[in-house]
Amino acid sequence: MMKNNPIQTYKVAMVGLDLTEMDDHLIRYAAAISKLLLLDRVIFVHVAKDLQLPDALIAKYPDLVEPLDESIENDIKAKVAEHFHDVDTTTDCIVKDGHPIEQILKLSKIKNVDLIMMGRKKSLDGSGIMSSKIARKCPCSILFVTSEANAHIHKILLPVDFSHHASLAIDLAHVINERSPAEVRLINFYQVPIGYYKTGKSHEEFADIMKDFAKKDFQRFVANNQFPEDFKCDFLLSDNGDLPQLTYEYAEEQSMDLIIIGSRGRTGIASILMGSIAEKLVYLDSNVPILIVKEKGENMGFLDALMKI
């Protein structure tokens, strides 16, 4: 695929662990992604609020004298070795105390991370809020993995708004496809404006007009990014406006293994809307993992301020 700009590559990934059963699924998935993206290094991180054992507990159970952070680190290393034994990627483990979101974001800058991977638990109160905050503030791409995720990626869904960030998502999907053949499907949601009736046209007539506009936007998008001329995209009418829910419903109906979406375009209503969809997707219950693609260094101003705290 010919491109004016070099395709964004991922070399260093960071995986957030919480010492639950989710860690096994996440580490296994991280091993598969490491092979697909040819990662050089994967850093496994656990952030605990307090790594100090109470004196009374140590007195009662003297066998717990081993520092808790070392104990956690050893357990994580054992799990990583189980899944990464045949992966040509360097692995590291870091255990810290503090606020999970702040520590993960700080480490992502210190370690020059290209991709953050985190588990996403269905129907867990509060998990969507934390995931959304990290997705919004992190300076790199982020992948949310569910316990039901298929580590062997055969079908990839890309909701696109024809922005620069959408092109980054497409590039990444094709990198994955070149290394492990997968079906890559693009979808674009178009909507009928609320005041369409003022034009004297019916809802169906104006829906056809909006679809034609979307198709022309797609043709320009393909030409501007030098994608193949036979590039395909499915255009779907959305009347209720709940695009995140529609995206997941489509992904599950079509048995997609992964959703890749650009985080936010810089111009245009559609680009802003797509950024909103990416953030809202992490709130919804779904079995499908989602990879939110960002350009490296986005939100760096926030991180610079955080580093000074």
C-alpha atoms as a PDB file:
ATOM      1  CA  MET A   1       0.000   0.000   0.000  1.00  0.00           C
ATOM      2  CA  MET A   2       1.556   3.280  -1.128  1.00  0.00           C
ATOM      3  CA  LYS A   3       1.373   6.098   1.369  1.00  0.00           C
ATOM      4  CA  ASN A   4       2.566   9.684   1.504  1.00  0.00           C
ATOM      5  CA  ASN A   5       3.423   9.249   5.178  1.00  0.00           C
ATOM      6  CA  PRO A   6       5.185   6.308   6.854  1.00  0.00           C
ATOM      7  CA  ILE A   7       2.905   3.789   8.554  1.00  0.00           C
ATOM      8  CA  GLN A   8       2.899   4.119  12.317  1.00  0.00           C
ATOM      9  CA  THR A   9       4.684   1.176  13.952  1.00  0.00           C
ATOM     10  CA  TYR A  10       4.477  -0.167  17.486  1.00  0.00           C
ATOM     11  CA  LYS A  11       7.661  -1.304  19.209  1.00  0.00           C
ATOM     12  CA  VAL A  12       7.003  -0.975  22.951  1.00  0.00           C
ATOM     13  CA  ALA A  13       3.767  -2.047  24.644  1.00  0.00           C
ATOM     14  CA  MET A  14       2.655  -1.805  28.259  1.00  0.00           C
ATOM     15  CA  VAL A  15       0.115  -4.179  29.799  1.00  0.00           C
ATOM     16  CA  GLY A  16      -1.823  -3.205  32.924  1.00  0.00           C
ATOM     17  CA  LEU A  17      -2.562  -6.105  35.305  1.00  0.00           C
ATOM     18  CA  ASP A  18      -4.839  -6.199  38.362  1.00  0.00           C
ATOM     19  CA  LEU A  19      -4.046  -9.678  39.796  1.00  0.00           C
ATOM     20  CA  THR A  20      -7.437 -11.150  38.867  1.00  0.00           C
ATOM     21  CA  GLU A  21      -8.380 -13.955  36.472  1.00  0.00           C
ATOM     22  CA  MET A  22      -8.465 -11.320  33.736  1.00  0.00           C
ATOM     23  CA  ASP A  23      -4.653 -11.226  33.781  1.00  0.00           C
ATOM     24  CA  ASP A  24      -4.377 -14.696  32.217  1.00  0.00           C
ATOM     25  CA  HIS A  25      -6.580 -13.669  29.286  1.00  0.00           C
ATOM     26  CA  LEU A  26      -4.730 -10.378  28.889  1.00  0.00           C
ATOM     27  CA  ILE A  27      -1.245 -11.918  28.956  1.00  0.00           C
ATOM     28  CA  ARG A  28      -2.260 -14.566  26.419  1.00  0.00           C
ATOM     29  CA  TYR A  29      -3.714 -11.897  24.138  1.00  0.00           C
ATOM     30  CA  ALA A  30      -0.596  -9.741  24.573  1.00  0.00           C
ATOM     31  CA  ALA A  31       1.531 -12.659  23.380  1.00  0.00           C
ATOM     32  CA  ALA A  32      -0.547 -12.964  20.210  1.00  0.00           C
ATOM     33  CA  ILE A  33      -0.415  -9.209  19.551  1.00  0.00           C
ATOM     34  CA  SER A  34       3.349  -9.214  20.101  1.00  0.00           C
ATOM     35  CA  LYS A  35       3.724 -11.695  17.259  1.00  0.00           C
ATOM     36  CA  LEU A  36       1.415  -9.755  14.935  1.00  0.00           C
ATOM     37  CA  LEU A  37       2.991  -6.342  15.535  1.00  0.00           C
ATOM     38  CA  LEU A  38       6.555  -7.658  15.968  1.00  0.00           C
ATOM     39  CA  LEU A  39       6.905  -5.826  19.283  1.00  0.00           C
ATOM     40  CA  ASP A  40      10.418  -5.374  20.643  1.00  0.00           C
ATOM     41  CA  ARG A  41       9.390  -5.077  24.271  1.00  0.00           C
ATOM     42  CA  VAL A  42       6.323  -5.654  26.462  1.00  0.00           C
ATOM     43  CA  ILE A  43       6.212  -4.156  29.954  1.00  0.00           C
ATOM     44  CA  PHE A  44       3.764  -5.700  32.440  1.00  0.00           C
ATOM     45  CA  VAL A  45       2.627  -3.287  35.152  1.00  0.00           C
ATOM     46  CA  HIS A  46       0.645  -3.710  38.351  1.00  0.00           C
ATOM     47  CA  VAL A  47      -0.229  -0.650  40.415  1.00  0.00           C
ATOM     48  CA  ALA A  48      -1.344  -1.313  43.998  1.00  0.00           C
ATOM     49  CA  LYS A  49      -2.717   1.311  46.334  1.00  0.00           C
ATOM     50  CA  ASP A  50      -0.520   0.057  49.196  1.00  0.00           C
ATOM     51  CA  LEU A  51       2.354  -2.439  49.044  1.00  0.00           C
ATOM     52  CA  GLN A  52       3.075  -2.318  52.782  1.00  0.00           C
ATOM     53  CA  LEU A  53       1.891  -5.187  54.985  1.00  0.00           C
ATOM     54  CA  PRO A  54       0.545  -4.294  58.437  1.00  0.00           C
ATOM     55  CA  ASP A  55       2.961  -5.096  61.285  1.00  0.00           C
ATOM     56  CA  ALA A  56       0.282  -7.160  63.033  1.00  0.00           C
ATOM     57  CA  LEU A  57      -0.133  -9.315  59.919  1.00  0.00           C
ATOM     58  CA  ILE A  58       3.624  -9.890  59.604  1.00  0.00           C
ATOM     59  CA  ALA A  59       3.795 -10.855  63.296  1.00  0.00           C
ATOM     60  CA  LYS A  60       1.018 -13.395  62.824  1.00  0.00           C
ATOM     61  CA  TYR A  61       2.373 -14.754  59.528  1.00  0.00           C
ATOM     62  CA  PRO A  62       6.179 -14.404  59.569  1.00  0.00           C
ATOM     63  CA  ASP A  63       6.468 -16.307  56.264  1.00  0.00           C
ATOM     64  CA  LEU A  64       5.178 -13.162  54.581  1.00  0.00           C
ATOM     65  CA  VAL A  65       8.429 -11.322  55.223  1.00  0.00           C
ATOM     66  CA  GLU A  66       9.230 -11.303  51.501  1.00  0.00           C
ATOM     67  CA  PRO A  67       8.484  -7.791  50.218  1.00  0.00           C
ATOM     68  CA  LEU A  68       5.007  -7.797  48.722  1.00  0.00           C
ATOM     69  CA  ASP A  69       6.130  -6.104  45.496  1.00  0.00           C
ATOM     70  CA  GLU A  70       8.725  -8.828  44.890  1.00  0.00           C
ATOM     71  CA  SER A  71       6.136 -11.517  45.545  1.00  0.00           C
ATOM     72  CA  ILE A  72       3.710  -9.953  43.065  1.00  0.00           C
ATOM     73  CA  GLU A  73       6.469  -9.467  40.504  1.00  0.00           C
ATOM     74  CA  ASN A  74       7.494 -13.130  40.734  1.00  0.00           C
ATOM     75  CA  ASP A  75       3.896 -14.285  40.242  1.00  0.00           C
ATOM     76  CA  ILE A  76       3.489 -12.058  37.191  1.00  0.00           C
ATOM     77  CA  LYS A  77       6.791 -13.218  35.682  1.00  0.00           C
ATOM     78  CA  ALA A  78       5.706 -16.846  36.022  1.00  0.00           C
ATOM     79  CA  LYS A  79       2.436 -16.159  34.163  1.00  0.00           C
ATOM     80  CA  VAL A  80       4.234 -14.193  31.453  1.00  0.00           C
ATOM     81  CA  ALA A  81       6.785 -16.964  30.918  1.00  0.00           C
ATOM     82  CA  GLU A  82       3.938 -19.439  30.417  1.00  0.00           C
ATOM     83  CA  HIS A  83       2.481 -17.491  27.484  1.00  0.00           C
ATOM     84  CA  PHE A  84       5.610 -15.833  26.040  1.00  0.00           C
ATOM     85  CA  HIS A  85       7.895 -18.865  25.864  1.00  0.00           C
ATOM     86  CA  ASP A  86       7.689 -18.912  22.038  1.00  0.00           C
ATOM     87  CA  VAL A  87       7.474 -15.139  21.480  1.00  0.00           C
ATOM     88  CA  ASP A  88      10.560 -13.258  20.296  1.00  0.00           C
ATOM     89  CA  THR A  89       9.882 -10.237  22.491  1.00  0.00           C
ATOM     90  CA  THR A  90      11.669  -8.879  25.562  1.00  0.00           C
ATOM     91  CA  THR A  91       9.417  -8.748  28.643  1.00  0.00           C
ATOM     92  CA  ASP A  92       9.741  -6.703  31.832  1.00  0.00           C
ATOM     93  CA  CYS A  93       7.662  -6.432  34.986  1.00  0.00           C
ATOM     94  CA  ILE A  94       7.044  -3.358  37.149  1.00  0.00           C
ATOM     95  CA  VAL A  95       5.108  -3.267  40.432  1.00  0.00           C
ATOM     96  CA  LYS A  96       4.355   0.141  41.925  1.00  0.00           C
ATOM     97  CA  ASP A  97       2.005   1.698  44.431  1.00  0.00           C
ATOM     98  CA  GLY A  98      -0.094   4.791  43.906  1.00  0.00           C
ATOM     99  CA  HIS A  99      -3.048   5.866  41.794  1.00  0.00           C
ATOM    100  CA  PRO A 100      -3.451   3.357  38.912  1.00  0.00           C
ATOM    101  CA  ILE A 101      -4.378   5.846  36.186  1.00  0.00           C
ATOM    102  CA  GLU A 102      -1.659   8.344  37.098  1.00  0.00           C
ATOM    103  CA  GLN A 103       1.042   5.688  37.376  1.00  0.00           C
ATOM    104  CA  ILE A 104       0.112   4.030  34.087  1.00  0.00           C
ATOM    105  CA  LEU A 105       0.112   7.363  32.258  1.00  0.00           C
ATOM    106  CA  LYS A 106       3.432   8.427  33.796  1.00  0.00           C
ATOM    107  CA  LEU A 107       5.073   5.113  32.940  1.00  0.00           C
ATOM    108  CA  SER A 108       3.762   5.298  29.371  1.00  0.00           C
ATOM    109  CA  LYS A 109       5.804   8.463  28.882  1.00  0.00           C
ATOM    110  CA  ILE A 110       8.881   7.370  30.835  1.00  0.00           C
ATOM    111  CA  LYS A 111       9.095   4.066  28.951  1.00  0.00           C
ATOM    112  CA  ASN A 112       8.222   5.644  25.573  1.00  0.00           C
ATOM    113  CA  VAL A 113       5.283   3.287  25.121  1.00  0.00           C
ATOM    114  CA  ASP A 114       3.563   2.961  21.732  1.00  0.00           C
ATOM    115  CA  LEU A 115       0.629   0.805  22.835  1.00  0.00           C
ATOM    116  CA  ILE A 116      -1.159   0.275  26.155  1.00  0.00           C
ATOM    117  CA  MET A 117      -3.125  -2.937  26.713  1.00  0.00           C
ATOM    118  CA  MET A 118      -5.718  -3.277  29.443  1.00  0.00           C
ATOM    119  CA  GLY A 119      -8.399  -5.771  30.432  1.00  0.00           C
ATOM    120  CA  ARG A 120     -12.020  -4.744  30.150  1.00  0.00           C
ATOM    121  CA  LYS A 121     -14.488  -6.593  32.348  1.00  0.00           C
ATOM    122  CA  LYS A 122     -18.111  -6.848  31.322  1.00  0.00           C
ATOM    123  CA  SER A 123     -20.763  -5.500  33.690  1.00  0.00           C
ATOM    124  CA  LEU A 124     -18.232  -4.314  36.284  1.00  0.00           C
ATOM    125  CA  ASP A 125     -19.284  -1.053  37.908  1.00  0.00           C
ATOM    126  CA  GLY A 126     -16.712   1.675  37.453  1.00  0.00           C
ATOM    127  CA  SER A 127     -14.480  -0.193  35.002  1.00  0.00           C
ATOM    128  CA  GLY A 128     -15.837   1.771  32.041  1.00  0.00           C
ATOM    129  CA  ILE A 129     -15.123   5.086  33.753  1.00  0.00           C
ATOM    130  CA  MET A 130     -11.485   4.190  34.430  1.00  0.00           C
ATOM    131  CA  SER A 131     -11.039   2.805  30.902  1.00  0.00           C
ATOM    132  CA  SER A 132     -12.537   5.928  29.353  1.00  0.00           C
ATOM    133  CA  LYS A 133     -10.258   8.220  31.374  1.00  0.00           C
ATOM    134  CA  ILE A 134      -7.143   6.360  30.279  1.00  0.00           C
ATOM    135  CA  ALA A 135      -8.353   6.210  26.671  1.00  0.00           C
ATOM    136  CA  ARG A 136      -8.915   9.965  26.677  1.00  0.00           C
ATOM    137  CA  LYS A 137      -5.654  10.970  28.382  1.00  0.00           C
ATOM    138  CA  CYS A 138      -3.047   8.453  27.238  1.00  0.00           C
ATOM    139  CA  PRO A 139      -0.484   9.698  24.671  1.00  0.00           C
ATOM    140  CA  CYS A 140      -0.527   6.540  22.543  1.00  0.00           C
ATOM    141  CA  SER A 141      -2.816   3.868  21.140  1.00  0.00           C
ATOM    142  CA  ILE A 142      -4.709   1.687  23.610  1.00  0.00           C
ATOM    143  CA  LEU A 143      -6.182  -1.802  23.326  1.00  0.00           C
ATOM    144  CA  PHE A 144      -8.994  -3.024  25.584  1.00  0.00           C
ATOM    145  CA  VAL A 145      -9.250  -6.823  25.839  1.00  0.00           C
ATOM    146  CA  THR A 146     -12.179  -8.848  27.170  1.00  0.00           C
ATOM    147  CA  SER A 147     -11.983 -12.304  28.741  1.00  0.00           C
ATOM    148  CA  GLU A 148     -13.882 -13.713  25.736  1.00  0.00           C
ATOM    149  CA  ALA A 149     -11.480 -12.181  23.196  1.00  0.00           C
ATOM    150  CA  ASN A 150     -10.221 -14.413  20.413  1.00  0.00           C
ATOM    151  CA  ALA A 151      -6.441 -14.128  20.314  1.00  0.00           C
ATOM    152  CA  HIS A 152      -6.465 -15.421  16.729  1.00  0.00           C
ATOM    153  CA  ILE A 153      -7.724 -12.437  14.731  1.00  0.00           C
ATOM    154  CA  HIS A 154      -9.635 -13.426  11.589  1.00  0.00           C
ATOM    155  CA  LYS A 155     -12.091 -10.530  11.150  1.00  0.00           C
ATOM    156  CA  ILE A 156     -11.368  -6.843  11.816  1.00  0.00           C
ATOM    157  CA  LEU A 157     -13.969  -4.079  11.845  1.00  0.00           C
ATOM    158  CA  LEU A 158     -13.027  -0.447  11.172  1.00  0.00           C
ATOM    159  CA  PRO A 159     -15.628   2.283  11.747  1.00  0.00           C
ATOM    160  CA  VAL A 160     -14.290   5.177   9.650  1.00  0.00           C
ATOM    161  CA  ASP A 161     -15.079   8.883   9.352  1.00  0.00           C
ATOM    162  CA  PHE A 162     -12.530   9.564   6.556  1.00  0.00           C
ATOM    163  CA  SER A 163     -10.248  11.547   8.885  1.00  0.00           C
ATOM    164  CA  HIS A 164      -6.471  11.255   9.279  1.00  0.00           C
ATOM    165  CA  HIS A 165      -6.970   9.082  12.365  1.00  0.00           C
ATOM    166  CA  ALA A 166      -9.167   6.729  10.343  1.00  0.00           C
ATOM    167  CA  SER A 167      -6.295   6.278   7.872  1.00  0.00           C
ATOM    168  CA  LEU A 168      -3.991   5.354  10.768  1.00  0.00           C
ATOM    169  CA  ALA A 169      -6.475   2.699  11.882  1.00  0.00           C
ATOM    170  CA  ILE A 170      -6.658   1.279   8.353  1.00  0.00           C
ATOM    171  CA  ASP A 171      -2.868   1.164   8.100  1.00  0.00           C
ATOM    172  CA  LEU A 172      -2.658  -0.822  11.327  1.00  0.00           C
ATOM    173  CA  ALA A 173      -5.353  -3.257  10.194  1.00  0.00           C
ATOM    174  CA  HIS A 174      -3.437  -3.944   7.001  1.00  0.00           C
ATOM    175  CA  VAL A 175      -0.192  -4.487   8.919  1.00  0.00           C
ATOM    176  CA  ILE A 176      -2.007  -7.163  10.935  1.00  0.00           C
ATOM    177  CA  ASN A 177      -3.554  -8.611   7.773  1.00  0.00           C
ATOM    178  CA  GLU A 178      -0.174  -8.906   6.038  1.00  0.00           C
ATOM    179  CA  ARG A 179       1.247 -10.952   8.924  1.00  0.00           C
ATOM    180  CA  SER A 180      -1.844 -13.045   9.620  1.00  0.00           C
ATOM    181  CA  PRO A 181      -4.526 -12.961   6.885  1.00  0.00           C
ATOM    182  CA  ALA A 182      -7.766 -11.463   8.166  1.00  0.00           C
ATOM    183  CA  GLU A 183     -10.909  -9.995   6.673  1.00  0.00           C
ATOM    184  CA  VAL A 184     -10.792  -6.198   7.026  1.00  0.00           C
ATOM    185  CA  ARG A 185     -14.209  -4.541   6.818  1.00  0.00           C
ATOM    186  CA  LEU A 186     -14.814  -0.781   6.785  1.00  0.00           C
ATOM    187  CA  ILE A 187     -18.130   0.743   7.848  1.00  0.00           C
ATOM    188  CA  ASN A 188     -19.353   4.322   7.796  1.00  0.00           C
ATOM    189  CA  PHE A 189     -22.496   5.504   9.557  1.00  0.00           C
ATOM    190  CA  TYR A 190     -24.459   8.271   7.878  1.00  0.00           C
ATOM    191  CA  GLN A 191     -27.444  10.114   9.324  1.00  0.00           C
ATOM    192  CA  VAL A 192     -30.349  12.160   8.035  1.00  0.00           C
ATOM    193  CA  PRO A 193     -30.333  15.755   9.411  1.00  0.00           C
ATOM    194  CA  ILE A 194     -33.179  16.600  11.789  1.00  0.00           C
ATOM    195  CA  GLY A 195     -34.491  19.388   9.533  1.00  0.00           C
ATOM    196  CA  TYR A 196     -34.532  17.310   6.326  1.00  0.00           C
ATOM    197  CA  TYR A 197     -38.322  17.818   5.922  1.00  0.00           C
ATOM    198  CA  LYS A 198     -37.775  21.549   5.336  1.00  0.00           C
ATOM    199  CA  THR A 199     -36.324  20.660   1.930  1.00  0.00           C
ATOM    200  CA  GLY A 200     -39.594  19.061   0.836  1.00  0.00           C
ATOM    201  CA  LYS A 201     -37.947  15.676   0.438  1.00  0.00           C
ATOM    202  CA  SER A 202     -38.946  12.467   2.199  1.00  0.00           C
ATOM    203  CA  HIS A 203     -36.770  10.727   4.790  1.00  0.00           C
ATOM    204  CA  GLU A 204     -35.865   8.036   2.262  1.00  0.00           C
ATOM    205  CA  GLU A 205     -34.927  10.597  -0.397  1.00  0.00           C
ATOM    206  CA  PHE A 206     -32.691  12.523   1.961  1.00  0.00           C
ATOM    207  CA  ALA A 207     -31.136   9.284   3.230  1.00  0.00           C
ATOM    208  CA  ASP A 208     -30.082   8.551  -0.357  1.00  0.00           C
ATOM    209  CA  ILE A 209     -28.585  12.053  -0.611  1.00  0.00           C
ATOM    210  CA  MET A 210     -26.575  11.593   2.588  1.00  0.00           C
ATOM    211  CA  LYS A 211     -25.363   8.179   1.437  1.00  0.00           C
ATOM    212  CA  ASP A 212     -24.157   9.688  -1.858  1.00  0.00           C
ATOM    213  CA  PHE A 213     -22.260  12.369   0.081  1.00  0.00           C
ATOM    214  CA  ALA A 214     -20.672   9.673   2.252  1.00  0.00           C
ATOM    215  CA  LYS A 215     -19.608   7.697  -0.826  1.00  0.00           C
ATOM    216  CA  LYS A 216     -17.996  10.780  -2.377  1.00  0.00           C
ATOM    217  CA  ASP A 217     -16.185  11.517   0.890  1.00  0.00           C
ATOM    218  CA  PHE A 218     -14.904   7.947   0.862  1.00  0.00           C
ATOM    219  CA  GLN A 219     -13.637   8.272  -2.709  1.00  0.00           C
ATOM    220  CA  ARG A 220     -11.692  11.417  -1.781  1.00  0.00           C
ATOM    221  CA  PHE A 221     -10.377   9.666   1.319  1.00  0.00           C
ATOM    222  CA  VAL A 222      -9.119   6.733  -0.760  1.00  0.00           C
ATOM    223  CA  ALA A 223      -7.453   9.043  -3.297  1.00  0.00           C
ATOM    224  CA  ASN A 224      -5.852  11.337  -0.693  1.00  0.00           C
ATOM    225  CA  ASN A 225      -4.357   8.383   1.194  1.00  0.00           C
ATOM    226  CA  GLN A 226      -3.378   6.449  -1.928  1.00  0.00           C
ATOM    227  CA  PHE A 227      -5.360   3.401  -0.883  1.00  0.00           C
ATOM    228  CA  PRO A 228      -6.234   0.854  -3.622  1.00  0.00           C
ATOM    229  CA  GLU A 229      -9.023   2.031  -5.930  1.00  0.00           C
ATOM    230  CA  ASP A 230     -11.011  -1.159  -5.279  1.00  0.00           C
ATOM    231  CA  PHE A 231     -11.146  -0.373  -1.544  1.00  0.00           C
ATOM    232  CA  LYS A 232     -14.602  -1.189  -0.174  1.00  0.00           C
ATOM    233  CA  CYS A 233     -16.715   0.384   2.573  1.00  0.00           C
ATOM    234  CA  ASP A 234     -20.208  -0.479   3.850  1.00  0.00           C
ATOM    235  CA  PHE A 235     -22.475   2.538   4.397  1.00  0.00           C
ATOM    236  CA  LEU A 236     -25.053   2.121   7.167  1.00  0.00           C
ATOM    237  CA  LEU A 237     -27.947   4.447   7.939  1.00  0.00           C
ATOM    238  CA  SER A 238     -28.220   5.349  11.616  1.00  0.00           C
ATOM    239  CA  ASP A 239     -31.544   6.816  12.662  1.00  0.00           C
ATOM    240  CA  ASN A 240     -31.252   6.588  16.450  1.00  0.00           C
ATOM    241  CA  GLY A 241     -27.787   8.165  16.680  1.00  0.00           C
ATOM    242  CA  ASP A 242     -26.408   5.613  19.184  1.00  0.00           C
ATOM    243  CA  LEU A 243     -23.345   4.867  17.075  1.00  0.00           C
ATOM    244  CA  PRO A 244     -21.272   3.099  19.781  1.00  0.00           C
ATOM    245  CA  GLN A 245     -24.079   0.622  20.437  1.00  0.00           C
ATOM    246  CA  LEU A 246     -24.674   0.124  16.706  1.00  0.00           C
ATOM    247  CA  THR A 247     -20.959  -0.497  16.198  1.00  0.00           C
ATOM    248  CA  TYR A 248     -20.842  -3.245  18.808  1.00  0.00           C
ATOM    249  CA  GLU A 249     -24.089  -4.802  17.601  1.00  0.00           C
ATOM    250  CA  TYR A 250     -22.715  -4.935  14.059  1.00  0.00           C
ATOM    251  CA  ALA A 251     -19.401  -6.355  15.280  1.00  0.00           C
ATOM    252  CA  GLU A 252     -21.101  -9.124  17.258  1.00  0.00           C
ATOM    253  CA  GLU A 253     -23.580  -9.953  14.489  1.00  0.00           C
ATOM    254  CA  GLN A 254     -20.690 -10.290  12.021  1.00  0.00           C
ATOM    255  CA  SER A 255     -18.508 -12.253  14.512  1.00  0.00           C
ATOM    256  CA  MET A 256     -15.712  -9.695  14.422  1.00  0.00           C
ATOM    257  CA  ASP A 257     -12.593 -10.480  16.456  1.00  0.00           C
ATOM    258  CA  LEU A 258     -11.353  -6.903  16.797  1.00  0.00           C
ATOM    259  CA  ILE A 259     -12.568  -3.335  16.356  1.00  0.00           C
ATOM    260  CA  ILE A 260      -9.933  -0.773  15.344  1.00  0.00           C
ATOM    261  CA  ILE A 261     -10.988   2.877  15.438  1.00  0.00           C
ATOM    262  CA  GLY A 262      -9.192   6.216  15.116  1.00  0.00           C
ATOM    263  CA  SER A 263      -9.375   8.202  18.338  1.00  0.00           C
ATOM    264  CA  ARG A 264     -10.237  11.631  17.029  1.00  0.00           C
ATOM    265  CA  GLY A 265     -10.039  13.625  13.843  1.00  0.00           C
ATOM    266  CA  ARG A 266      -8.883  17.227  14.019  1.00  0.00           C
ATOM    267  CA  THR A 267     -11.471  18.866  11.787  1.00  0.00           C
ATOM    268  CA  GLY A 268     -15.100  18.459  10.883  1.00  0.00           C
ATOM    269  CA  ILE A 269     -18.212  17.401  12.772  1.00  0.00           C
ATOM    270  CA  ALA A 270     -17.845  13.761  11.688  1.00  0.00           C
ATOM    271  CA  SER A 271     -14.290  13.592  13.031  1.00  0.00           C
ATOM    272  CA  ILE A 272     -15.321  14.964  16.411  1.00  0.00           C
ATOM    273  CA  LEU A 273     -18.212  12.499  16.448  1.00  0.00           C
ATOM    274  CA  MET A 274     -15.909   9.569  15.743  1.00  0.00           C
ATOM    275  CA  GLY A 275     -13.650  10.589  18.622  1.00  0.00           C
ATOM    276  CA  SER A 276     -16.688  10.551  20.881  1.00  0.00           C
ATOM    277  CA  ILE A 277     -17.618   7.064  19.638  1.00  0.00           C
ATOM    278  CA  ALA A 278     -14.159   5.728  20.448  1.00  0.00           C
ATOM    279  CA  GLU A 279     -14.389   6.962  24.035  1.00  0.00           C
ATOM    280  CA  LYS A 280     -17.967   5.753  24.558  1.00  0.00           C
ATOM    281  CA  LEU A 281     -17.260   2.279  23.188  1.00  0.00           C
ATOM    282  CA  VAL A 282     -15.278   1.387  26.312  1.00  0.00           C
ATOM    283  CA  TYR A 283     -18.375   1.929  28.470  1.00  0.00           C
ATOM    284  CA  LEU A 284     -20.448  -0.727  26.703  1.00  0.00           C
ATOM    285  CA  ASP A 285     -20.696  -4.421  27.485  1.00  0.00           C
ATOM    286  CA  SER A 286     -19.256  -6.383  24.584  1.00  0.00           C
ATOM    287  CA  ASN A 287     -17.142  -9.439  23.903  1.00  0.00           C
ATOM    288  CA  VAL A 288     -15.222  -7.674  21.134  1.00  0.00           C
ATOM    289  CA  PRO A 289     -11.814  -6.087  21.934  1.00  0.00           C
ATOM    290  CA  ILE A 290     -11.336  -2.496  20.798  1.00  0.00           C
ATOM    291  CA  LEU A 291      -8.087  -0.869  19.707  1.00  0.00           C
ATOM    292  CA  ILE A 292      -8.191   2.944  19.763  1.00  0.00           C
ATOM    293  CA  VAL A 293      -5.507   4.316  17.453  1.00  0.00           C
ATOM    294  CA  LYS A 294      -3.772   7.576  18.296  1.00  0.00           C
ATOM    295  CA  GLU A 295      -0.796   9.380  16.901  1.00  0.00           C
ATOM    296  CA  LYS A 296       2.117   9.046  19.282  1.00  0.00           C
ATOM    297  CA  GLY A 297       2.388  12.075  21.559  1.00  0.00           C
ATOM    298  CA  GLU A 298      -1.256  13.121  21.657  1.00  0.00           C
ATOM    299  CA  ASN A 299      -2.246  14.546  25.055  1.00  0.00           C
ATOM    300  CA  MET A 300       1.432  15.038  25.876  1.00  0.00           C
ATOM    301  CA  GLY A 301       0.611  18.424  27.423  1.00  0.00           C
ATOM    302  CA  PHE A 302      -1.516  16.683  30.033  1.00  0.00           C
ATOM    303  CA  LEU A 303       1.275  14.212  30.759  1.00  0.00           C
ATOM    304  CA  ASP A 304       3.869  16.949  31.093  1.00  0.00           C
ATOM    305  CA  ALA A 305       1.701  18.536  33.767  1.00  0.00           C
ATOM    306  CA  LEU A 306       1.160  15.173  35.451  1.00  0.00           C
ATOM    307  CA  MET A 307       4.915  14.502  35.575  1.00  0.00           C
ATOM    308  CA  LYS A 308       5.391  17.651  37.666  1.00  0.00           C
ATOM    309  CA  ILE A 309       2.955  16.542  40.386  1.00  0.00           C
END
